[in-house]
Amino acid sequence: MLGGDELRRQETFSVPPPPPVTTSPAGVADEIVMLVHRTTQGYTEEAYAQATGLGYDGWIEHQLDYENLDVSVLENLFSLLYPSLAMTGPELYATYGVPGEFGIPVDHLRIAAVLRSILSPRQLYERMVEFWTDHFNIYQLRSDSVQLLKTVDDRDVIRAHALGSFRDMVHASARSGAMITYLDNLTNIVGSPNENYARELMELHTLGVDGPYDENDVRELARCFTGWTLTSDASNWGEFIFHPPFHDFGAKQVLGLTIPAGGGESDALTVIDHILSSPSTATFLSRKMSSWILGYDPPQPLVDQVAQTYLMTNGDIKSMLRVILRRNHVMADVPFDQRKYKRPSAFVNGLLRQTRPEGIGVLELLTQTLVMGHLPFNWVSPDGYPDTVEAWAAAILPRWNLASQYLNGDLATAASDTRLTMLMQGAPLASWARRIDQFMTGGLLTPHDLADVQGYLNGKPATFELLREAIALVASSPSYQYY
């Protein structure tokens, strides 16, 4: 099993922010290029062509209607190779709940996350699965039981609701065996409340760190969640149960609400629904979603529009995304004053999506992402992997190494010769840099980076090895790290 209690240390190299980019090769900012970058796990010419054919709004609806995008080939392969993905908690416990076996579902889930991101046609869905995985973060190696139950959480909480109802997702997460274990609600009992889950529900999942609550609200909400625990019987191991002997049946005051004595499980349900209806939750979630899709500091009028949509639709995620992805919002960042820095997974996923290897050594790729500090489900604290340039821009050397080794054929995962040959289609050496830029970014490399790549190529024999070197150079360029 990959991973551990600490991420491996990084060599540090600073990456300067790229200069503004204002045009596509056609001479104007291309809204479809920008849309594809923001709705996929890595730009490809195939996605661009499909989005162009469907039209801007048609592509958005195509991706939002994810259940009609066929993933049967990929999922059937998973059912054969990674059977733990479809198992219930009791089935996981019966199959892997012995020393030496707990790590098997861990690797299965990580492998599936990488392959779905690269290969699934449900690209916007996978982007939002990644977002919600961090929003409701659970450290997969927290305990033996979490190693098993995170598989259930991923399937029945995150993936089940990623483009559905935020309200339903919060309720499902509150009953998740992995979440209850990870945030210690197993020890939240009458007379000795544990505040961990109550605090993170308000601070990270709903109202935000600056939300309208105080320490007394945290304590009182923790009392509401006493008795929310899990079964330990083998026949229904790891499943949610409300256990009355552990519950504090006294009256409570939370966020201005009076919770009468004697309510039981309904105490927490009442407060959850109250929190989900709060304008503070709407604003916090809208800002975070807009930042994930568009840029680090979304303008307040956009956040307000998305928040209003949240309140009007009772937290419908698709409706919120339709607002975020409007043309005027996607194109507002041109000339890219706020271009986003690719997290390591986005760098790896994009590079592989663009070059389409014929085979993927997924465990090898997971090792690479561990070196980069971005192994799936391996963030220890409940806040999830950061989405900031400061968190990732210092560790550029592992990206250079991966691009070089991948294009040189030094990894089990190797770029397809057929794919790269088709890329150039007899293009003269003098146009290689621009052609590779089109292929990998849709024309978003800066003029400076284009000139550097073409300067490296000029005067050399136009060999296949040189083409691989040029692609690796583009993948290592400063502006390729942004989108």
Protein backbone atom coordinates (compact mmCIF):
# COMPACT_ATOMS: atom_id res chain seq x y z
CA MET A 1 0.00 0.00 0.00
CA LEU A 2 1.20 3.50 -0.81
CA GLY A 3 1.16 6.40 1.60
CA GLY A 4 1.99 6.98 5.22
CA ASP A 5 1.42 9.35 8.07
CA GLU A 6 3.62 12.05 6.53
CA LEU A 7 4.04 13.28 2.98
CA ARG A 8 7.53 13.11 1.59
CA ARG A 9 9.53 16.33 1.66
CA GLN A 10 9.99 18.30 -1.54
CA GLU A 11 12.89 20.05 -3.16
CA THR A 12 11.83 23.67 -3.51
CA PHE A 13 12.02 25.72 -6.67
CA SER A 14 10.11 28.94 -7.11
CA VAL A 15 7.94 29.37 -10.21
CA PRO A 16 7.28 32.96 -11.26
CA PRO A 17 3.73 33.81 -12.32
CA PRO A 18 3.31 33.83 -16.10
CA PRO A 19 2.82 37.09 -17.96
CA PRO A 20 -0.70 37.81 -19.26
CA VAL A 21 -1.99 35.82 -22.22
CA THR A 22 -4.65 37.55 -24.27
CA THR A 23 -5.09 35.65 -27.50
CA SER A 24 -5.50 32.25 -29.00
CA PRO A 25 -3.66 31.41 -32.25
CA ALA A 26 -6.73 32.70 -34.07
CA GLY A 27 -6.03 36.12 -32.61
CA VAL A 28 -8.93 36.29 -30.17
CA ALA A 29 -9.63 34.76 -26.80
CA ASP A 30 -11.39 31.46 -27.46
CA GLU A 31 -14.27 30.88 -25.06
CA ILE A 32 -14.44 27.16 -25.89
CA VAL A 33 -10.76 26.72 -25.00
CA MET A 34 -11.35 28.42 -21.67
CA LEU A 35 -14.51 26.41 -21.04
CA VAL A 36 -12.80 23.08 -21.71
CA HIS A 37 -9.95 23.96 -19.35
CA ARG A 38 -12.43 24.70 -16.57
CA THR A 39 -14.74 21.73 -17.06
CA THR A 40 -12.26 18.89 -17.59
CA GLN A 41 -9.39 17.17 -15.84
CA GLY A 42 -7.08 18.33 -18.61
CA TYR A 43 -7.57 20.08 -21.95
CA THR A 44 -7.56 17.91 -25.07
CA GLU A 45 -8.18 18.69 -28.71
CA GLU A 46 -10.85 15.99 -28.75
CA ALA A 47 -12.79 17.71 -25.96
CA TYR A 48 -12.36 21.04 -27.73
CA ALA A 49 -13.74 19.62 -30.98
CA GLN A 50 -16.69 18.06 -29.21
CA ALA A 51 -17.46 21.26 -27.30
CA THR A 52 -17.19 23.29 -30.50
CA GLY A 53 -19.68 20.96 -32.18
CA LEU A 54 -22.13 21.11 -29.28
CA GLY A 55 -21.72 24.84 -28.71
CA TYR A 56 -20.81 26.58 -25.46
CA ASP A 57 -24.06 25.95 -23.60
CA GLY A 58 -24.53 22.57 -25.26
CA TRP A 59 -21.19 21.36 -23.89
CA ILE A 60 -22.12 22.45 -20.37
CA GLU A 61 -25.43 20.59 -20.50
CA HIS A 62 -23.71 17.58 -22.07
CA GLN A 63 -21.33 17.41 -19.12
CA LEU A 64 -23.98 18.13 -16.50
CA ASP A 65 -26.06 15.24 -17.88
CA TYR A 66 -23.29 12.92 -16.74
CA GLU A 67 -25.45 9.85 -16.22
CA ASN A 68 -25.99 9.67 -19.99
CA LEU A 69 -22.22 9.64 -20.64
CA ASP A 70 -21.30 5.98 -21.00
CA VAL A 71 -18.63 4.73 -18.58
CA SER A 72 -19.62 1.07 -18.73
CA VAL A 73 -16.34 -0.14 -20.27
CA LEU A 74 -14.27 1.51 -17.57
CA GLU A 75 -16.55 0.50 -14.71
CA ASN A 76 -16.83 -3.09 -15.95
CA LEU A 77 -13.05 -3.26 -15.93
CA PHE A 78 -13.04 -1.97 -12.37
CA SER A 79 -15.52 -4.64 -11.30
CA LEU A 80 -13.07 -7.29 -12.48
CA LEU A 81 -9.82 -5.76 -11.25
CA TYR A 82 -10.91 -3.74 -8.20
CA PRO A 83 -13.97 -5.51 -6.72
CA SER A 84 -13.79 -3.60 -3.43
CA LEU A 85 -15.16 -0.47 -5.13
CA ALA A 86 -18.68 -1.92 -5.24
CA MET A 87 -18.71 -3.49 -1.77
CA THR A 88 -20.79 -2.43 1.22
CA GLY A 89 -19.22 -1.88 4.62
CA PRO A 90 -20.04 -5.40 5.86
CA GLU A 91 -18.69 -6.90 2.62
CA LEU A 92 -15.48 -4.89 2.90
CA TYR A 93 -15.05 -5.98 6.50
CA ALA A 94 -15.70 -9.64 5.68
CA THR A 95 -13.27 -9.59 2.75
CA TYR A 96 -10.46 -7.27 3.85
CA GLY A 97 -10.95 -6.75 7.59
CA VAL A 98 -7.90 -8.73 8.68
CA PRO A 99 -4.30 -7.61 9.24
CA GLY A 100 -2.44 -7.20 5.97
CA GLU A 101 -5.60 -6.79 3.89
CA PHE A 102 -6.92 -3.37 4.93
CA GLY A 103 -4.67 -1.63 2.41
CA ILE A 104 -6.13 -3.39 -0.65
CA PRO A 105 -9.29 -1.21 -0.83
CA VAL A 106 -7.05 1.82 -0.25
CA ASP A 107 -5.08 1.14 -3.41
CA HIS A 108 -8.19 0.17 -5.38
CA LEU A 109 -9.85 3.49 -4.58
CA ARG A 110 -6.75 5.51 -5.41
CA ILE A 111 -6.23 3.69 -8.71
CA ALA A 112 -9.87 4.23 -9.68
CA ALA A 113 -9.63 7.95 -8.86
CA VAL A 114 -6.65 8.38 -11.22
CA LEU A 115 -8.12 6.33 -14.07
CA ARG A 116 -11.52 7.99 -13.88
CA SER A 117 -9.93 11.43 -14.01
CA ILE A 118 -7.91 10.57 -17.11
CA LEU A 119 -10.24 8.28 -19.03
CA SER A 120 -13.84 9.02 -18.06
CA PRO A 121 -15.99 11.06 -20.47
CA ARG A 122 -17.68 12.50 -17.35
CA GLN A 123 -15.08 15.20 -17.00
CA LEU A 124 -17.01 17.95 -15.21
CA TYR A 125 -18.41 15.33 -12.87
CA GLU A 126 -14.87 14.13 -12.05
CA ARG A 127 -13.78 17.72 -11.44
CA MET A 128 -16.57 18.11 -8.92
CA VAL A 129 -15.84 14.72 -7.33
CA GLU A 130 -12.33 16.03 -6.69
CA PHE A 131 -13.74 19.27 -5.26
CA TRP A 132 -16.15 17.53 -2.88
CA THR A 133 -13.51 14.99 -1.84
CA ASP A 134 -11.46 17.89 -0.49
CA HIS A 135 -14.50 19.74 0.87
CA PHE A 136 -15.55 16.69 2.92
CA ASN A 137 -11.98 15.49 3.39
CA ILE A 138 -11.33 12.17 5.11
CA TYR A 139 -7.76 10.98 5.63
CA GLN A 140 -7.91 7.46 4.29
CA LEU A 141 -5.19 6.07 6.58
CA ARG A 142 -6.75 7.46 9.78
CA SER A 143 -7.51 3.94 11.02
CA ASP A 144 -8.11 0.41 9.79
CA SER A 145 -11.86 0.99 9.65
CA VAL A 146 -11.50 4.24 7.68
CA GLN A 147 -9.34 2.41 5.15
CA LEU A 148 -12.38 0.26 4.44
CA LEU A 149 -15.18 2.78 4.93
CA LYS A 150 -13.71 5.55 2.77
CA THR A 151 -14.64 3.39 -0.23
CA VAL A 152 -18.29 3.53 0.85
CA ASP A 153 -18.07 7.27 1.51
CA ASP A 154 -16.56 7.93 -1.92
CA ARG A 155 -19.32 5.98 -3.66
CA ASP A 156 -22.40 6.79 -1.57
CA VAL A 157 -21.63 10.34 -0.42
CA ILE A 158 -19.24 12.07 -2.82
CA ARG A 159 -19.92 10.39 -6.15
CA ALA A 160 -23.64 9.91 -5.48
CA HIS A 161 -24.20 13.65 -4.94
CA ALA A 162 -21.33 15.41 -6.76
CA LEU A 163 -23.74 16.95 -9.29
CA GLY A 164 -26.87 16.60 -7.21
CA SER A 165 -28.09 18.30 -4.04
CA PHE A 166 -25.68 19.81 -1.54
CA ARG A 167 -28.35 19.31 1.11
CA ASP A 168 -28.49 15.58 0.39
CA MET A 169 -24.70 15.35 0.39
CA VAL A 170 -24.38 16.97 3.83
CA HIS A 171 -27.01 14.63 5.28
CA ALA A 172 -25.27 11.63 3.71
CA SER A 173 -21.88 12.78 4.98
CA ALA A 174 -23.22 13.18 8.53
CA ARG A 175 -24.17 9.48 8.46
CA SER A 176 -20.99 8.32 6.72
CA GLY A 177 -19.13 5.66 8.66
CA ALA A 178 -15.81 7.03 7.45
CA MET A 179 -16.68 10.60 8.51
CA ILE A 180 -18.08 9.55 11.89
CA THR A 181 -14.87 7.62 12.57
CA TYR A 182 -12.45 10.20 11.12
CA LEU A 183 -13.92 13.11 13.10
CA ASP A 184 -14.38 11.09 16.29
CA ASN A 185 -18.14 11.13 16.65
CA LEU A 186 -17.84 7.54 17.88
CA THR A 187 -16.68 9.04 21.18
CA ASN A 188 -19.35 11.77 21.25
CA ILE A 189 -21.61 10.60 24.07
CA VAL A 190 -23.81 12.18 26.72
CA GLY A 191 -21.76 13.64 29.56
CA SER A 192 -18.54 13.61 27.48
CA PRO A 193 -19.23 15.33 24.17
CA ASN A 194 -16.61 15.31 21.41
CA GLU A 195 -16.80 18.52 19.37
CA ASN A 196 -14.71 17.52 16.34
CA TYR A 197 -17.48 16.74 13.86
CA ALA A 198 -19.75 19.58 15.01
CA ARG A 199 -16.92 22.08 14.59
CA GLU A 200 -15.91 20.92 11.12
CA LEU A 201 -19.52 20.69 9.95
CA MET A 202 -19.89 24.41 10.57
CA GLU A 203 -16.36 25.63 9.85
CA LEU A 204 -15.42 23.55 6.79
CA HIS A 205 -18.60 22.03 5.36
CA THR A 206 -21.22 24.78 5.62
CA LEU A 207 -20.96 28.17 7.35
CA GLY A 208 -17.22 28.75 6.92
CA VAL A 209 -14.52 29.76 9.37
CA ASP A 210 -16.03 33.26 9.67
CA GLY A 211 -19.60 31.99 9.96
CA PRO A 212 -22.15 33.26 12.49
CA TYR A 213 -21.39 30.81 15.30
CA ASP A 214 -19.33 30.72 18.47
CA GLU A 215 -17.82 28.12 20.78
CA ASN A 216 -21.11 27.66 22.60
CA ASP A 217 -22.80 26.79 19.29
CA VAL A 218 -20.09 24.19 18.66
CA ARG A 219 -20.61 22.64 22.09
CA GLU A 220 -24.38 22.60 21.76
CA LEU A 221 -24.25 21.12 18.25
CA ALA A 222 -21.93 18.40 19.52
CA ARG A 223 -24.58 17.56 22.11
CA CYS A 224 -27.12 17.26 19.26
CA PHE A 225 -24.86 14.68 17.57
CA THR A 226 -24.38 12.49 20.64
CA GLY A 227 -25.54 8.97 19.85
CA TRP A 228 -24.75 9.24 16.12
CA THR A 229 -22.56 6.17 15.91
CA LEU A 230 -21.91 2.96 13.96
CA THR A 231 -22.85 -0.67 14.31
CA SER A 232 -20.07 -3.12 15.07
CA ASP A 233 -21.94 -6.36 14.38
CA ALA A 234 -20.39 -8.19 11.41
CA SER A 235 -23.69 -8.39 9.53
CA ASN A 236 -24.03 -4.61 9.30
CA TRP A 237 -20.54 -3.46 10.25
CA GLY A 238 -19.75 0.21 9.79
CA GLU A 239 -23.32 1.30 9.10
CA PHE A 240 -24.90 4.34 10.75
CA ILE A 241 -27.14 3.89 13.76
CA PHE A 242 -28.65 6.30 16.26
CA HIS A 243 -27.97 4.83 19.71
CA PRO A 244 -30.32 6.44 22.30
CA PRO A 245 -28.27 5.46 25.41
CA PHE A 246 -25.41 7.65 24.09
CA HIS A 247 -27.62 10.68 23.35
CA ASP A 248 -28.02 13.82 25.43
CA PHE A 249 -31.79 14.31 25.57
CA GLY A 250 -31.59 17.66 27.34
CA ALA A 251 -32.71 20.98 25.80
CA LYS A 252 -30.15 22.78 23.62
CA GLN A 253 -29.57 26.22 22.09
CA VAL A 254 -27.77 26.24 18.72
CA LEU A 255 -27.44 29.22 16.37
CA GLY A 256 -30.47 30.87 17.92
CA LEU A 257 -32.56 27.71 17.72
CA THR A 258 -34.15 26.18 20.77
CA ILE A 259 -34.02 22.40 20.63
CA PRO A 260 -36.57 21.04 23.11
CA ALA A 261 -35.67 18.23 25.45
CA GLY A 262 -36.44 14.67 24.37
CA GLY A 263 -35.88 15.05 20.62
CA GLY A 264 -33.30 12.34 19.94
CA GLU A 265 -31.93 11.97 16.42
CA SER A 266 -34.07 14.87 15.23
CA ASP A 267 -31.94 17.31 17.26
CA ALA A 268 -29.07 17.17 14.78
CA LEU A 269 -31.36 16.93 11.75
CA THR A 270 -33.11 20.16 12.74
CA VAL A 271 -29.82 22.04 13.09
CA ILE A 272 -28.42 20.65 9.82
CA ASP A 273 -31.44 21.92 7.91
CA HIS A 274 -31.18 25.29 9.64
CA ILE A 275 -27.49 25.59 8.72
CA LEU A 276 -28.14 24.58 5.12
CA SER A 277 -30.73 27.34 4.78
CA SER A 278 -28.34 30.01 6.05
CA PRO A 279 -27.15 32.78 3.67
CA SER A 280 -23.71 32.29 5.23
CA THR A 281 -23.62 28.70 3.95
CA ALA A 282 -24.78 29.88 0.52
CA THR A 283 -22.04 32.51 0.34
CA PHE A 284 -19.27 30.29 1.70
CA LEU A 285 -20.03 27.45 -0.68
CA SER A 286 -20.59 29.74 -3.68
CA ARG A 287 -17.25 31.47 -3.21
CA LYS A 288 -15.42 28.17 -2.83
CA MET A 289 -17.06 26.59 -5.89
CA SER A 290 -16.44 29.70 -8.00
CA SER A 291 -12.82 29.75 -6.94
CA TRP A 292 -12.43 26.07 -7.83
CA ILE A 293 -13.79 26.55 -11.33
CA LEU A 294 -12.70 30.07 -12.27
CA GLY A 295 -10.06 31.81 -10.20
CA TYR A 296 -8.68 32.27 -6.72
CA ASP A 297 -10.57 35.47 -5.92
CA PRO A 298 -13.98 35.43 -7.66
CA PRO A 299 -15.71 38.81 -7.78
CA GLN A 300 -18.38 39.42 -5.16
CA PRO A 301 -21.22 39.99 -7.70
CA LEU A 302 -20.57 36.50 -9.11
CA VAL A 303 -20.51 34.97 -5.62
CA ASP A 304 -23.78 36.73 -4.82
CA GLN A 305 -25.45 35.37 -7.98
CA VAL A 306 -24.35 31.83 -7.20
CA ALA A 307 -25.43 32.17 -3.56
CA GLN A 308 -28.86 33.39 -4.62
CA THR A 309 -29.14 30.36 -6.89
CA TYR A 310 -28.18 28.10 -3.99
CA LEU A 311 -30.95 29.55 -1.83
CA MET A 312 -33.55 29.50 -4.62
CA THR A 313 -32.83 25.89 -5.61
CA ASN A 314 -32.26 24.42 -2.15
CA GLY A 315 -28.61 23.77 -2.93
CA ASP A 316 -28.84 22.33 -6.45
CA ILE A 317 -25.23 21.97 -7.61
CA LYS A 318 -25.98 21.87 -11.34
CA SER A 319 -27.88 25.15 -11.12
CA MET A 320 -24.96 26.77 -9.31
CA LEU A 321 -22.51 25.54 -11.94
CA ARG A 322 -24.64 26.92 -14.75
CA VAL A 323 -24.24 30.38 -13.19
CA ILE A 324 -20.50 29.98 -12.57
CA LEU A 325 -19.89 28.82 -16.15
CA ARG A 326 -21.74 31.63 -17.92
CA ARG A 327 -19.66 33.12 -20.73
CA ASN A 328 -19.19 36.45 -19.01
CA HIS A 329 -17.84 34.72 -15.91
CA VAL A 330 -15.50 32.32 -17.71
CA MET A 331 -14.15 35.05 -19.96
CA ALA A 332 -13.87 37.64 -17.20
CA ASP A 333 -10.41 36.32 -16.35
CA VAL A 334 -9.07 37.19 -19.80
CA PRO A 335 -6.33 38.43 -19.97
CA PHE A 336 -5.86 35.89 -17.21
CA ASP A 337 -5.13 38.17 -14.33
CA GLN A 338 -6.02 35.21 -12.10
CA ARG A 339 -4.89 32.14 -14.01
CA LYS A 340 -4.99 29.12 -11.74
CA TYR A 341 -1.95 27.01 -10.96
CA LYS A 342 -2.42 23.32 -11.68
CA ARG A 343 -2.35 21.13 -8.64
CA PRO A 344 -0.13 18.05 -9.12
CA SER A 345 -3.07 15.80 -10.02
CA ALA A 346 -4.21 18.28 -12.67
CA PHE A 347 -0.69 18.39 -14.11
CA VAL A 348 -0.44 14.59 -14.31
CA ASN A 349 -4.00 14.04 -15.52
CA GLY A 350 -3.70 16.70 -18.20
CA LEU A 351 -0.37 15.46 -19.53
CA LEU A 352 -1.69 11.92 -19.85
CA ARG A 353 -5.01 13.01 -21.33
CA GLN A 354 -3.19 15.01 -24.00
CA THR A 355 -0.64 12.35 -24.95
CA ARG A 356 -2.90 9.31 -24.47
CA PRO A 357 -0.50 6.55 -23.33
CA GLU A 358 -1.35 3.12 -24.56
CA GLY A 359 -0.96 1.70 -21.06
CA ILE A 360 -1.00 3.38 -17.65
CA GLY A 361 1.13 2.12 -14.77
CA VAL A 362 -1.18 3.50 -12.13
CA LEU A 363 0.75 2.47 -9.02
CA GLU A 364 3.81 4.11 -10.56
CA LEU A 365 1.80 7.28 -11.15
CA LEU A 366 0.52 7.16 -7.57
CA THR A 367 4.13 7.03 -6.40
CA GLN A 368 4.82 10.12 -8.51
CA THR A 369 1.86 11.97 -6.98
CA LEU A 370 3.06 10.95 -3.51
CA VAL A 371 6.41 12.60 -4.29
CA MET A 372 4.49 15.69 -5.42
CA GLY A 373 2.50 15.69 -2.17
CA HIS A 374 -0.87 15.00 -3.79
CA LEU A 375 -1.64 11.32 -3.32
CA PRO A 376 -5.43 10.80 -3.44
CA PHE A 377 -7.17 10.68 -0.04
CA ASN A 378 -3.88 11.26 1.81
CA TRP A 379 -4.39 14.74 3.31
CA VAL A 380 -4.30 14.36 7.07
CA SER A 381 -6.27 17.37 8.32
CA PRO A 382 -10.01 17.88 7.66
CA ASP A 383 -9.56 20.97 5.46
CA GLY A 384 -8.59 18.95 2.37
CA TYR A 385 -5.78 19.53 -0.12
CA PRO A 386 -5.27 23.28 -0.64
CA ASP A 387 -6.27 25.03 -3.85
CA THR A 388 -3.75 27.87 -3.80
CA VAL A 389 -0.69 28.72 -5.87
CA GLU A 390 1.34 29.14 -2.69
CA ALA A 391 0.71 25.53 -1.68
CA TRP A 392 2.07 24.00 -4.87
CA ALA A 393 4.31 26.37 -6.84
CA ALA A 394 7.47 25.64 -4.86
CA ALA A 395 7.62 21.94 -5.78
CA ILE A 396 8.28 22.17 -9.53
CA LEU A 397 11.20 19.72 -9.77
CA PRO A 398 9.00 16.57 -9.50
CA ARG A 399 6.93 17.87 -12.43
CA TRP A 400 10.02 18.35 -14.58
CA ASN A 401 11.23 14.87 -13.64
CA LEU A 402 7.88 13.26 -14.43
CA ALA A 403 7.56 15.00 -17.81
CA SER A 404 11.11 14.05 -18.77
CA GLN A 405 10.85 10.42 -17.65
CA TYR A 406 7.41 9.98 -19.19
CA LEU A 407 8.39 11.38 -22.59
CA ASN A 408 11.74 9.57 -22.57
CA GLY A 409 9.98 6.24 -22.05
CA ASP A 410 11.60 5.70 -18.65
CA LEU A 411 8.30 4.86 -16.94
CA ALA A 412 5.93 1.95 -17.32
CA THR A 413 3.46 4.57 -18.51
CA ALA A 414 4.73 5.88 -21.84
CA ALA A 415 3.33 8.36 -24.33
CA SER A 416 1.88 6.69 -27.42
CA ASP A 417 4.17 6.80 -30.48
CA THR A 418 1.09 6.69 -32.71
CA ARG A 419 -0.50 9.58 -30.86
CA LEU A 420 2.61 11.76 -31.09
CA THR A 421 3.18 10.94 -34.76
CA MET A 422 -0.39 11.96 -35.58
CA LEU A 423 0.18 15.14 -33.63
CA MET A 424 2.67 16.62 -36.06
CA GLN A 425 1.22 15.29 -39.34
CA GLY A 426 4.22 16.46 -41.33
CA ALA A 427 4.39 19.93 -39.77
CA PRO A 428 7.68 21.73 -40.48
CA LEU A 429 10.11 22.06 -37.61
CA ALA A 430 9.59 25.83 -37.56
CA SER A 431 5.97 25.31 -36.46
CA TRP A 432 6.48 22.57 -33.92
CA ALA A 433 6.30 24.76 -30.81
CA ARG A 434 3.03 26.36 -31.85
CA ARG A 435 1.56 22.99 -32.91
CA ILE A 436 2.45 21.39 -29.57
CA ASP A 437 0.98 24.40 -27.79
CA GLN A 438 -2.30 23.94 -29.67
CA PHE A 439 -2.27 20.25 -28.89
CA MET A 440 -1.60 20.61 -25.16
CA THR A 441 -3.22 23.90 -24.13
CA GLY A 442 -5.37 25.18 -26.99
CA GLY A 443 -2.87 27.98 -27.55
CA LEU A 444 -2.36 29.35 -24.03
CA LEU A 445 1.44 29.24 -23.76
CA THR A 446 2.99 32.65 -23.41
CA PRO A 447 5.00 34.10 -26.33
CA HIS A 448 8.11 33.86 -24.16
CA ASP A 449 7.64 30.14 -23.51
CA LEU A 450 6.79 29.49 -27.18
CA ALA A 451 9.99 31.24 -28.23
CA ASP A 452 12.05 29.23 -25.74
CA VAL A 453 10.68 25.93 -27.04
CA GLN A 454 11.09 26.88 -30.69
CA GLY A 455 14.57 28.19 -30.00
CA TYR A 456 15.52 24.82 -28.57
CA LEU A 457 14.21 23.09 -31.69
CA ASN A 458 15.75 25.32 -34.34
CA GLY A 459 18.73 23.88 -36.17
CA LYS A 460 18.23 20.33 -34.95
CA PRO A 461 17.24 17.29 -37.03
CA ALA A 462 13.46 16.75 -36.95
CA THR A 463 13.54 13.37 -35.20
CA PHE A 464 10.96 11.57 -33.15
CA GLU A 465 13.25 11.88 -30.11
CA LEU A 466 13.37 15.65 -30.59
CA LEU A 467 9.57 15.76 -30.68
CA ARG A 468 9.39 13.97 -27.35
CA GLU A 469 11.91 16.39 -25.88
CA ALA A 470 9.90 19.34 -27.15
CA ILE A 471 6.68 18.04 -25.56
CA ALA A 472 8.51 17.51 -22.26
CA LEU A 473 9.86 21.06 -22.53
CA VAL A 474 6.35 22.44 -23.07
CA ALA A 475 5.07 20.44 -20.08
CA SER A 476 7.88 21.94 -17.98
CA SER A 477 7.33 25.52 -19.13
CA PRO A 478 6.02 28.07 -16.59
CA SER A 479 2.83 28.87 -18.48
CA TYR A 480 1.86 25.19 -18.90
CA GLN A 481 1.59 25.00 -15.10
CA TYR A 482 -1.36 27.41 -15.28
CA TYR A 483 -4.79 27.24 -16.90
